[in-house]
Amino acid sequence: MMKRFDILKKTFSYTYVVLIMALLYAPILLIIVFSFSGNARFSFSQGFTLASYKEIFSSDSFDGLMSALKNTVVIAVISSVCSTILGSISAIGIHSLRKKMRTIVSAVNQIPIINSEIVVAVSLMIFFSTFAFPQGYVRLILSHISFCTPYVVLSVLPLLQRMDKNIYEAALDLGSTPTKALFKVLLPNLVPGIVSGFIMAFTLSLDDFIITQINKGAGTGIETLSTYIYEDARVKSISPYWFAVFSIIFVVVITLLLLANIRKLKKSEDK
């Protein structure tokens, strides 16, 4: 009886996981599949074709797409590097606080994460307008840093909590300066969390639409990939080559995440 119950329980668990994964990834997989159809009607009337991928390079929107892609990568790289530095330093500072204050600051750090993105976007817009920040790249980079940094903190902080604090104190006792102990002892132990935080910040910045759309400024002419897709689709509707673009973006993002997780897994196995 117990064995039958265990089998049913395991079957239900696997079925539940499969259904959740299907719900999450089926729409993306459909986009990838129909990117080889050559049309936007979700049918293979032309058979299996790479026409949508070829159209990326022959379309009138190619120059605009490349400009938007360049802006997206530049903003994502700058903001994720700054977020990683700020988030790592902040995590070390939070970990050094007393327990009560650490709990309060950690809760405050999570507010931008749990808060609605439209609220964060409008708040940033009001802040930038009030203090007359230059429109364009300055506002966009600062916006991306502000919403990416809390994720880096959440990525680094658990490693600090698991790390034996006696290691850092031992380095100080052996004559190391606080700065040397930070770079030689503390940071090497935090590398997996820092790398994960950087990749998370990069993908979040790469993917953002609402905050970018509201804070890029109407007269700047700056478009990121998400805002350019929105504007093009709003005017011309979804073209077949966008399916190919979406597929490429998904493959790039999922590859980055897989590489980060494989690297983390190998490090944990080596230990």
C-alpha atoms as a PDB file:
ATOM      1  CA  MET A   1       0.000   0.000   0.000  1.00  0.00           C
ATOM      2  CA  MET A   2       2.785   2.385   0.984  1.00  0.00           C
ATOM      3  CA  LYS A   3       4.722   1.482  -2.156  1.00  0.00           C
ATOM      4  CA  ARG A   4       1.689   2.272  -4.340  1.00  0.00           C
ATOM      5  CA  PHE A   5       1.243   5.576  -2.503  1.00  0.00           C
ATOM      6  CA  ASP A   6       4.918   6.463  -3.084  1.00  0.00           C
ATOM      7  CA  ILE A   7       4.557   5.692  -6.809  1.00  0.00           C
ATOM      8  CA  LEU A   8       1.440   7.884  -7.052  1.00  0.00           C
ATOM      9  CA  LYS A   9       3.154  10.659  -5.134  1.00  0.00           C
ATOM     10  CA  LYS A  10       6.207  10.519  -7.386  1.00  0.00           C
ATOM     11  CA  THR A  11       4.043  10.414 -10.538  1.00  0.00           C
ATOM     12  CA  PHE A  12       2.034  13.415  -9.352  1.00  0.00           C
ATOM     13  CA  SER A  13       5.238  15.321  -8.543  1.00  0.00           C
ATOM     14  CA  TYR A  14       6.741  14.661 -11.989  1.00  0.00           C
ATOM     15  CA  THR A  15       3.454  15.521 -13.732  1.00  0.00           C
ATOM     16  CA  TYR A  16       3.194  18.768 -11.784  1.00  0.00           C
ATOM     17  CA  VAL A  17       6.761  19.769 -12.694  1.00  0.00           C
ATOM     18  CA  VAL A  18       6.217  18.925 -16.381  1.00  0.00           C
ATOM     19  CA  LEU A  19       2.991  20.962 -16.507  1.00  0.00           C
ATOM     20  CA  ILE A  20       4.631  23.984 -14.869  1.00  0.00           C
ATOM     21  CA  MET A  21       7.624  23.793 -17.224  1.00  0.00           C
ATOM     22  CA  ALA A  22       5.312  23.417 -20.224  1.00  0.00           C
ATOM     23  CA  LEU A  23       3.280  26.434 -19.137  1.00  0.00           C
ATOM     24  CA  LEU A  24       6.439  28.518 -18.765  1.00  0.00           C
ATOM     25  CA  TYR A  25       8.361  27.427 -21.848  1.00  0.00           C
ATOM     26  CA  ALA A  26       5.768  26.263 -24.397  1.00  0.00           C
ATOM     27  CA  PRO A  27       5.091  29.831 -25.714  1.00  0.00           C
ATOM     28  CA  ILE A  28       8.845  30.412 -26.163  1.00  0.00           C
ATOM     29  CA  LEU A  29       9.323  27.056 -27.881  1.00  0.00           C
ATOM     30  CA  LEU A  30       6.429  27.860 -30.222  1.00  0.00           C
ATOM     31  CA  ILE A  31       8.105  31.137 -31.209  1.00  0.00           C
ATOM     32  CA  ILE A  32      11.343  29.254 -31.955  1.00  0.00           C
ATOM     33  CA  VAL A  33       9.488  26.590 -33.976  1.00  0.00           C
ATOM     34  CA  PHE A  34       7.515  29.128 -36.029  1.00  0.00           C
ATOM     35  CA  SER A  35      10.642  31.224 -36.648  1.00  0.00           C
ATOM     36  CA  PHE A  36      11.358  28.558 -39.305  1.00  0.00           C
ATOM     37  CA  SER A  37       7.937  28.946 -40.966  1.00  0.00           C
ATOM     38  CA  GLY A  38       8.750  32.137 -42.917  1.00  0.00           C
ATOM     39  CA  ASN A  39       5.417  33.823 -42.093  1.00  0.00           C
ATOM     40  CA  ALA A  40       3.544  35.400 -39.176  1.00  0.00           C
ATOM     41  CA  ARG A  41       0.419  33.213 -39.512  1.00  0.00           C
ATOM     42  CA  PHE A  42       1.710  30.359 -37.345  1.00  0.00           C
ATOM     43  CA  SER A  43       1.612  27.888 -40.215  1.00  0.00           C
ATOM     44  CA  PHE A  44       4.203  26.052 -42.314  1.00  0.00           C
ATOM     45  CA  SER A  45       2.613  26.873 -45.675  1.00  0.00           C
ATOM     46  CA  GLN A  46       6.109  27.497 -47.112  1.00  0.00           C
ATOM     47  CA  GLY A  47       7.602  24.472 -45.391  1.00  0.00           C
ATOM     48  CA  PHE A  48      10.697  24.585 -43.192  1.00  0.00           C
ATOM     49  CA  THR A  49      12.693  27.703 -44.159  1.00  0.00           C
ATOM     50  CA  LEU A  50      15.365  30.086 -42.890  1.00  0.00           C
ATOM     51  CA  ALA A  51      13.692  33.038 -44.626  1.00  0.00           C
ATOM     52  CA  SER A  52      12.916  34.819 -41.349  1.00  0.00           C
ATOM     53  CA  TYR A  53      16.579  34.652 -40.290  1.00  0.00           C
ATOM     54  CA  LYS A  54      17.738  35.902 -43.712  1.00  0.00           C
ATOM     55  CA  GLU A  55      15.181  38.720 -43.536  1.00  0.00           C
ATOM     56  CA  ILE A  56      16.912  40.111 -40.422  1.00  0.00           C
ATOM     57  CA  PHE A  57      19.833  41.184 -42.656  1.00  0.00           C
ATOM     58  CA  SER A  58      17.786  42.235 -45.701  1.00  0.00           C
ATOM     59  CA  SER A  59      14.975  44.091 -43.916  1.00  0.00           C
ATOM     60  CA  ASP A  60      14.607  47.899 -43.978  1.00  0.00           C
ATOM     61  CA  SER A  61      14.697  47.741 -40.183  1.00  0.00           C
ATOM     62  CA  PHE A  62      18.192  46.197 -40.085  1.00  0.00           C
ATOM     63  CA  ASP A  63      20.067  49.466 -39.412  1.00  0.00           C
ATOM     64  CA  GLY A  64      17.612  50.447 -36.683  1.00  0.00           C
ATOM     65  CA  LEU A  65      17.792  46.964 -35.204  1.00  0.00           C
ATOM     66  CA  MET A  66      21.617  47.022 -35.091  1.00  0.00           C
ATOM     67  CA  SER A  67      21.600  50.481 -33.497  1.00  0.00           C
ATOM     68  CA  ALA A  68      19.099  49.306 -30.872  1.00  0.00           C
ATOM     69  CA  LEU A  69      21.166  46.169 -30.253  1.00  0.00           C
ATOM     70  CA  LYS A  70      24.327  48.251 -29.766  1.00  0.00           C
ATOM     71  CA  ASN A  71      22.525  50.569 -27.313  1.00  0.00           C
ATOM     72  CA  THR A  72      21.125  47.561 -25.438  1.00  0.00           C
ATOM     73  CA  VAL A  73      24.519  45.867 -25.061  1.00  0.00           C
ATOM     74  CA  VAL A  74      26.347  49.091 -24.089  1.00  0.00           C
ATOM     75  CA  ILE A  75      23.752  49.976 -21.436  1.00  0.00           C
ATOM     76  CA  ALA A  76      23.607  46.368 -20.184  1.00  0.00           C
ATOM     77  CA  VAL A  77      27.395  46.026 -19.867  1.00  0.00           C
ATOM     78  CA  ILE A  78      27.935  49.386 -18.117  1.00  0.00           C
ATOM     79  CA  SER A  79      24.965  49.025 -15.766  1.00  0.00           C
ATOM     80  CA  SER A  80      25.709  45.363 -14.904  1.00  0.00           C
ATOM     81  CA  VAL A  81      29.385  46.104 -14.137  1.00  0.00           C
ATOM     82  CA  CYS A  82      28.417  49.062 -11.920  1.00  0.00           C
ATOM     83  CA  SER A  83      25.609  47.040 -10.298  1.00  0.00           C
ATOM     84  CA  THR A  84      27.970  44.149  -9.597  1.00  0.00           C
ATOM     85  CA  ILE A  85      30.523  46.425  -7.909  1.00  0.00           C
ATOM     86  CA  LEU A  86      27.886  48.308  -5.884  1.00  0.00           C
ATOM     87  CA  GLY A  87      25.941  45.157  -5.031  1.00  0.00           C
ATOM     88  CA  SER A  88      29.012  43.222  -3.884  1.00  0.00           C
ATOM     89  CA  ILE A  89      30.231  46.082  -1.677  1.00  0.00           C
ATOM     90  CA  SER A  90      26.701  46.576  -0.326  1.00  0.00           C
ATOM     91  CA  ALA A  91      26.369  42.867   0.478  1.00  0.00           C
ATOM     92  CA  ILE A  92      29.636  42.948   2.456  1.00  0.00           C
ATOM     93  CA  GLY A  93      28.438  46.073   4.292  1.00  0.00           C
ATOM     94  CA  ILE A  94      25.015  44.556   5.069  1.00  0.00           C
ATOM     95  CA  HIS A  95      26.641  41.364   6.335  1.00  0.00           C
ATOM     96  CA  SER A  96      28.808  43.406   8.710  1.00  0.00           C
ATOM     97  CA  LEU A  97      25.805  45.075  10.376  1.00  0.00           C
ATOM     98  CA  ARG A  98      24.223  43.965  13.626  1.00  0.00           C
ATOM     99  CA  LYS A  99      21.504  41.330  13.235  1.00  0.00           C
ATOM    100  CA  LYS A 100      18.534  43.690  13.723  1.00  0.00           C
ATOM    101  CA  MET A 101      19.900  46.377  11.403  1.00  0.00           C
ATOM    102  CA  ARG A 102      20.928  43.708   8.860  1.00  0.00           C
ATOM    103  CA  THR A 103      17.345  42.405   8.762  1.00  0.00           C
ATOM    104  CA  ILE A 104      15.966  45.924   8.211  1.00  0.00           C
ATOM    105  CA  VAL A 105      18.445  46.837   5.469  1.00  0.00           C
ATOM    106  CA  SER A 106      17.935  43.467   3.722  1.00  0.00           C
ATOM    107  CA  ALA A 107      14.164  44.067   3.723  1.00  0.00           C
ATOM    108  CA  VAL A 108      14.669  47.584   2.293  1.00  0.00           C
ATOM    109  CA  ASN A 109      16.944  46.097  -0.413  1.00  0.00           C
ATOM    110  CA  GLN A 110      14.091  43.827  -1.543  1.00  0.00           C
ATOM    111  CA  ILE A 111      11.572  46.656  -1.993  1.00  0.00           C
ATOM    112  CA  PRO A 112      12.647  47.444  -5.612  1.00  0.00           C
ATOM    113  CA  ILE A 113      12.399  43.716  -6.408  1.00  0.00           C
ATOM    114  CA  ILE A 114       8.898  43.101  -5.045  1.00  0.00           C
ATOM    115  CA  ASN A 115       7.615  46.540  -6.067  1.00  0.00           C
ATOM    116  CA  SER A 116       5.718  46.947  -9.332  1.00  0.00           C
ATOM    117  CA  GLU A 117       8.073  47.855 -12.177  1.00  0.00           C
ATOM    118  CA  ILE A 118       5.814  50.663 -13.393  1.00  0.00           C
ATOM    119  CA  VAL A 119       6.010  52.272  -9.927  1.00  0.00           C
ATOM    120  CA  VAL A 120       9.820  52.089 -10.001  1.00  0.00           C
ATOM    121  CA  ALA A 121       9.881  53.518 -13.553  1.00  0.00           C
ATOM    122  CA  VAL A 122       7.641  56.492 -12.732  1.00  0.00           C
ATOM    123  CA  SER A 123       9.507  57.129  -9.445  1.00  0.00           C
ATOM    124  CA  LEU A 124      12.811  57.261 -11.322  1.00  0.00           C
ATOM    125  CA  MET A 125      11.319  59.568 -13.964  1.00  0.00           C
ATOM    126  CA  ILE A 126      10.107  62.014 -11.270  1.00  0.00           C
ATOM    127  CA  PHE A 127      13.484  61.835  -9.505  1.00  0.00           C
ATOM    128  CA  PHE A 128      15.437  62.533 -12.716  1.00  0.00           C
ATOM    129  CA  SER A 129      13.112  65.390 -13.705  1.00  0.00           C
ATOM    130  CA  THR A 130      13.266  66.980 -10.238  1.00  0.00           C
ATOM    131  CA  PHE A 131      17.071  67.027 -10.155  1.00  0.00           C
ATOM    132  CA  ALA A 132      17.466  67.786 -13.893  1.00  0.00           C
ATOM    133  CA  PHE A 133      19.490  64.717 -14.859  1.00  0.00           C
ATOM    134  CA  PRO A 134      20.511  64.751 -18.557  1.00  0.00           C
ATOM    135  CA  GLN A 135      18.170  62.745 -20.743  1.00  0.00           C
ATOM    136  CA  GLY A 136      19.414  59.749 -22.687  1.00  0.00           C
ATOM    137  CA  TYR A 137      22.197  57.399 -21.657  1.00  0.00           C
ATOM    138  CA  VAL A 138      22.740  58.970 -18.216  1.00  0.00           C
ATOM    139  CA  ARG A 139      19.146  58.364 -17.113  1.00  0.00           C
ATOM    140  CA  LEU A 140      18.990  54.927 -18.687  1.00  0.00           C
ATOM    141  CA  ILE A 141      22.235  53.671 -17.149  1.00  0.00           C
ATOM    142  CA  LEU A 142      21.355  55.043 -13.693  1.00  0.00           C
ATOM    143  CA  SER A 143      17.875  53.493 -13.983  1.00  0.00           C
ATOM    144  CA  HIS A 144      19.286  50.089 -14.872  1.00  0.00           C
ATOM    145  CA  ILE A 145      21.861  50.263 -12.069  1.00  0.00           C
ATOM    146  CA  SER A 146      19.133  51.100  -9.548  1.00  0.00           C
ATOM    147  CA  PHE A 147      16.954  48.062 -10.329  1.00  0.00           C
ATOM    148  CA  CYS A 148      19.817  45.591 -10.987  1.00  0.00           C
ATOM    149  CA  THR A 149      21.859  46.251  -7.822  1.00  0.00           C
ATOM    150  CA  PRO A 150      19.383  44.619  -5.356  1.00  0.00           C
ATOM    151  CA  TYR A 151      19.563  41.368  -7.348  1.00  0.00           C
ATOM    152  CA  VAL A 152      23.367  41.351  -7.062  1.00  0.00           C
ATOM    153  CA  VAL A 153      23.070  41.898  -3.286  1.00  0.00           C
ATOM    154  CA  LEU A 154      20.713  38.903  -3.046  1.00  0.00           C
ATOM    155  CA  SER A 155      23.168  36.814  -5.072  1.00  0.00           C
ATOM    156  CA  VAL A 156      26.248  37.646  -2.969  1.00  0.00           C
ATOM    157  CA  LEU A 157      24.728  37.847   0.531  1.00  0.00           C
ATOM    158  CA  PRO A 158      23.962  34.083   0.934  1.00  0.00           C
ATOM    159  CA  LEU A 159      27.620  33.235   0.235  1.00  0.00           C
ATOM    160  CA  LEU A 160      28.716  35.668   2.944  1.00  0.00           C
ATOM    161  CA  GLN A 161      26.277  34.080   5.387  1.00  0.00           C
ATOM    162  CA  ARG A 162      27.601  30.570   4.627  1.00  0.00           C
ATOM    163  CA  MET A 163      31.263  31.573   4.710  1.00  0.00           C
ATOM    164  CA  ASP A 164      33.294  30.982   7.858  1.00  0.00           C
ATOM    165  CA  LYS A 165      34.032  34.499   9.163  1.00  0.00           C
ATOM    166  CA  ASN A 166      37.040  33.151  11.077  1.00  0.00           C
ATOM    167  CA  ILE A 167      38.922  32.947   7.751  1.00  0.00           C
ATOM    168  CA  TYR A 168      38.864  36.731   7.325  1.00  0.00           C
ATOM    169  CA  GLU A 169      39.745  37.319  10.985  1.00  0.00           C
ATOM    170  CA  ALA A 170      42.593  34.786  10.729  1.00  0.00           C
ATOM    171  CA  ALA A 171      44.034  36.710   7.781  1.00  0.00           C
ATOM    172  CA  LEU A 172      44.006  39.896   9.881  1.00  0.00           C
ATOM    173  CA  ASP A 173      45.633  38.080  12.811  1.00  0.00           C
ATOM    174  CA  LEU A 174      48.410  36.843  10.504  1.00  0.00           C
ATOM    175  CA  GLY A 175      49.321  40.424   9.620  1.00  0.00           C
ATOM    176  CA  SER A 176      47.225  41.062   6.525  1.00  0.00           C
ATOM    177  CA  THR A 177      45.745  44.537   6.094  1.00  0.00           C
ATOM    178  CA  PRO A 178      41.924  44.787   5.816  1.00  0.00           C
ATOM    179  CA  THR A 179      42.245  45.707   2.114  1.00  0.00           C
ATOM    180  CA  LYS A 180      44.568  42.778   1.364  1.00  0.00           C
ATOM    181  CA  ALA A 181      42.328  40.388   3.318  1.00  0.00           C
ATOM    182  CA  LEU A 182      39.347  41.670   1.322  1.00  0.00           C
ATOM    183  CA  PHE A 183      40.979  40.956  -2.053  1.00  0.00           C
ATOM    184  CA  LYS A 184      42.929  37.827  -1.113  1.00  0.00           C
ATOM    185  CA  VAL A 185      40.467  36.057   1.205  1.00  0.00           C
ATOM    186  CA  LEU A 186      36.946  37.496   1.072  1.00  0.00           C
ATOM    187  CA  LEU A 187      36.400  38.231  -2.630  1.00  0.00           C
ATOM    188  CA  PRO A 188      37.768  34.874  -3.951  1.00  0.00           C
ATOM    189  CA  ASN A 189      35.140  33.106  -1.827  1.00  0.00           C
ATOM    190  CA  LEU A 190      32.437  35.381  -3.233  1.00  0.00           C
ATOM    191  CA  VAL A 191      33.343  34.949  -6.925  1.00  0.00           C
ATOM    192  CA  PRO A 192      30.481  32.478  -7.729  1.00  0.00           C
ATOM    193  CA  GLY A 193      27.895  34.872  -6.248  1.00  0.00           C
ATOM    194  CA  ILE A 194      29.473  37.899  -7.947  1.00  0.00           C
ATOM    195  CA  VAL A 195      29.508  36.152 -11.345  1.00  0.00           C
ATOM    196  CA  SER A 196      25.891  34.990 -10.889  1.00  0.00           C
ATOM    197  CA  GLY A 197      24.900  38.516  -9.842  1.00  0.00           C
ATOM    198  CA  PHE A 198      26.615  40.001 -12.907  1.00  0.00           C
ATOM    199  CA  ILE A 199      24.870  37.597 -15.290  1.00  0.00           C
ATOM    200  CA  MET A 200      21.519  38.235 -13.609  1.00  0.00           C
ATOM    201  CA  ALA A 201      22.042  42.022 -13.802  1.00  0.00           C
ATOM    202  CA  PHE A 202      23.114  41.745 -17.454  1.00  0.00           C
ATOM    203  CA  THR A 203      20.078  39.683 -18.477  1.00  0.00           C
ATOM    204  CA  LEU A 204      17.685  41.938 -16.518  1.00  0.00           C
ATOM    205  CA  SER A 205      19.112  45.041 -18.183  1.00  0.00           C
ATOM    206  CA  LEU A 206      19.071  43.353 -21.588  1.00  0.00           C
ATOM    207  CA  ASP A 207      15.415  42.416 -21.152  1.00  0.00           C
ATOM    208  CA  ASP A 208      13.989  45.562 -19.523  1.00  0.00           C
ATOM    209  CA  PHE A 209      11.214  47.460 -21.284  1.00  0.00           C
ATOM    210  CA  ILE A 210       9.018  49.480 -18.903  1.00  0.00           C
ATOM    211  CA  ILE A 211      11.755  51.388 -17.056  1.00  0.00           C
ATOM    212  CA  THR A 212      13.640  51.997 -20.313  1.00  0.00           C
ATOM    213  CA  GLN A 213      10.557  53.131 -22.225  1.00  0.00           C
ATOM    214  CA  ILE A 214       9.556  55.676 -19.565  1.00  0.00           C
ATOM    215  CA  ASN A 215      13.051  57.039 -18.857  1.00  0.00           C
ATOM    216  CA  LYS A 216      14.756  57.117 -22.270  1.00  0.00           C
ATOM    217  CA  GLY A 217      13.325  60.546 -23.130  1.00  0.00           C
ATOM    218  CA  ALA A 218      11.082  61.277 -26.098  1.00  0.00           C
ATOM    219  CA  GLY A 219      13.516  63.515 -27.968  1.00  0.00           C
ATOM    220  CA  THR A 220      16.726  61.524 -27.529  1.00  0.00           C
ATOM    221  CA  GLY A 221      16.065  59.001 -30.292  1.00  0.00           C
ATOM    222  CA  ILE A 222      17.702  56.274 -28.203  1.00  0.00           C
ATOM    223  CA  GLU A 223      16.120  52.867 -28.650  1.00  0.00           C
ATOM    224  CA  THR A 224      17.014  49.609 -26.966  1.00  0.00           C
ATOM    225  CA  LEU A 225      16.048  46.251 -28.400  1.00  0.00           C
ATOM    226  CA  SER A 226      12.841  45.985 -26.357  1.00  0.00           C
ATOM    227  CA  THR A 227      11.631  49.533 -27.092  1.00  0.00           C
ATOM    228  CA  TYR A 228      12.550  49.221 -30.786  1.00  0.00           C
ATOM    229  CA  ILE A 229      10.613  45.966 -31.119  1.00  0.00           C
ATOM    230  CA  TYR A 230       7.624  47.597 -29.431  1.00  0.00           C
ATOM    231  CA  GLU A 231       7.682  50.653 -31.700  1.00  0.00           C
ATOM    232  CA  ASP A 232       8.160  48.589 -34.862  1.00  0.00           C
ATOM    233  CA  ALA A 233       5.441  46.084 -33.932  1.00  0.00           C
ATOM    234  CA  ARG A 234       3.058  48.914 -32.971  1.00  0.00           C
ATOM    235  CA  VAL A 235       3.427  50.570 -36.369  1.00  0.00           C
ATOM    236  CA  LYS A 236       3.887  47.577 -38.699  1.00  0.00           C
ATOM    237  CA  SER A 237       2.555  44.676 -36.582  1.00  0.00           C
ATOM    238  CA  ILE A 238       4.721  41.614 -35.925  1.00  0.00           C
ATOM    239  CA  SER A 239       6.835  40.685 -38.941  1.00  0.00           C
ATOM    240  CA  PRO A 240       8.098  37.105 -39.442  1.00  0.00           C
ATOM    241  CA  TYR A 241      11.713  38.112 -38.884  1.00  0.00           C
ATOM    242  CA  TRP A 242      10.873  39.177 -35.310  1.00  0.00           C
ATOM    243  CA  PHE A 243      10.282  35.507 -34.508  1.00  0.00           C
ATOM    244  CA  ALA A 244      13.888  34.884 -35.530  1.00  0.00           C
ATOM    245  CA  VAL A 245      15.121  37.848 -33.453  1.00  0.00           C
ATOM    246  CA  PHE A 246      13.185  36.616 -30.380  1.00  0.00           C
ATOM    247  CA  SER A 247      14.635  33.107 -30.848  1.00  0.00           C
ATOM    248  CA  ILE A 248      18.207  34.416 -31.048  1.00  0.00           C
ATOM    249  CA  ILE A 249      17.727  36.554 -27.912  1.00  0.00           C
ATOM    250  CA  PHE A 250      16.326  33.573 -25.997  1.00  0.00           C
ATOM    251  CA  VAL A 251      19.161  31.254 -27.078  1.00  0.00           C
ATOM    252  CA  VAL A 252      21.814  33.843 -26.096  1.00  0.00           C
ATOM    253  CA  VAL A 253      20.244  34.494 -22.659  1.00  0.00           C
ATOM    254  CA  ILE A 254      19.680  30.803 -21.864  1.00  0.00           C
ATOM    255  CA  THR A 255      23.262  29.992 -22.954  1.00  0.00           C
ATOM    256  CA  LEU A 256      24.657  32.616 -20.557  1.00  0.00           C
ATOM    257  CA  LEU A 257      22.593  31.240 -17.692  1.00  0.00           C
ATOM    258  CA  LEU A 258      23.570  27.627 -18.457  1.00  0.00           C
ATOM    259  CA  LEU A 259      27.264  28.533 -18.624  1.00  0.00           C
ATOM    260  CA  ALA A 260      27.033  30.316 -15.273  1.00  0.00           C
ATOM    261  CA  ASN A 261      25.272  27.364 -13.637  1.00  0.00           C
ATOM    262  CA  ILE A 262      27.648  24.782 -15.156  1.00  0.00           C
ATOM    263  CA  ARG A 263      30.597  26.821 -13.886  1.00  0.00           C
ATOM    264  CA  LYS A 264      29.058  26.991 -10.404  1.00  0.00           C
ATOM    265  CA  LEU A 265      28.349  23.234 -10.469  1.00  0.00           C
ATOM    266  CA  LYS A 266      31.933  22.381 -11.478  1.00  0.00           C
ATOM    267  CA  LYS A 267      33.305  24.581  -8.690  1.00  0.00           C
ATOM    268  CA  SER A 268      31.098  22.911  -6.103  1.00  0.00           C
ATOM    269  CA  GLU A 269      32.198  19.448  -7.359  1.00  0.00           C
ATOM    270  CA  ASP A 270      35.878  20.458  -7.167  1.00  0.00           C
ATOM    271  CA  LYS A 271      35.398  21.419  -3.518  1.00  0.00           C
END
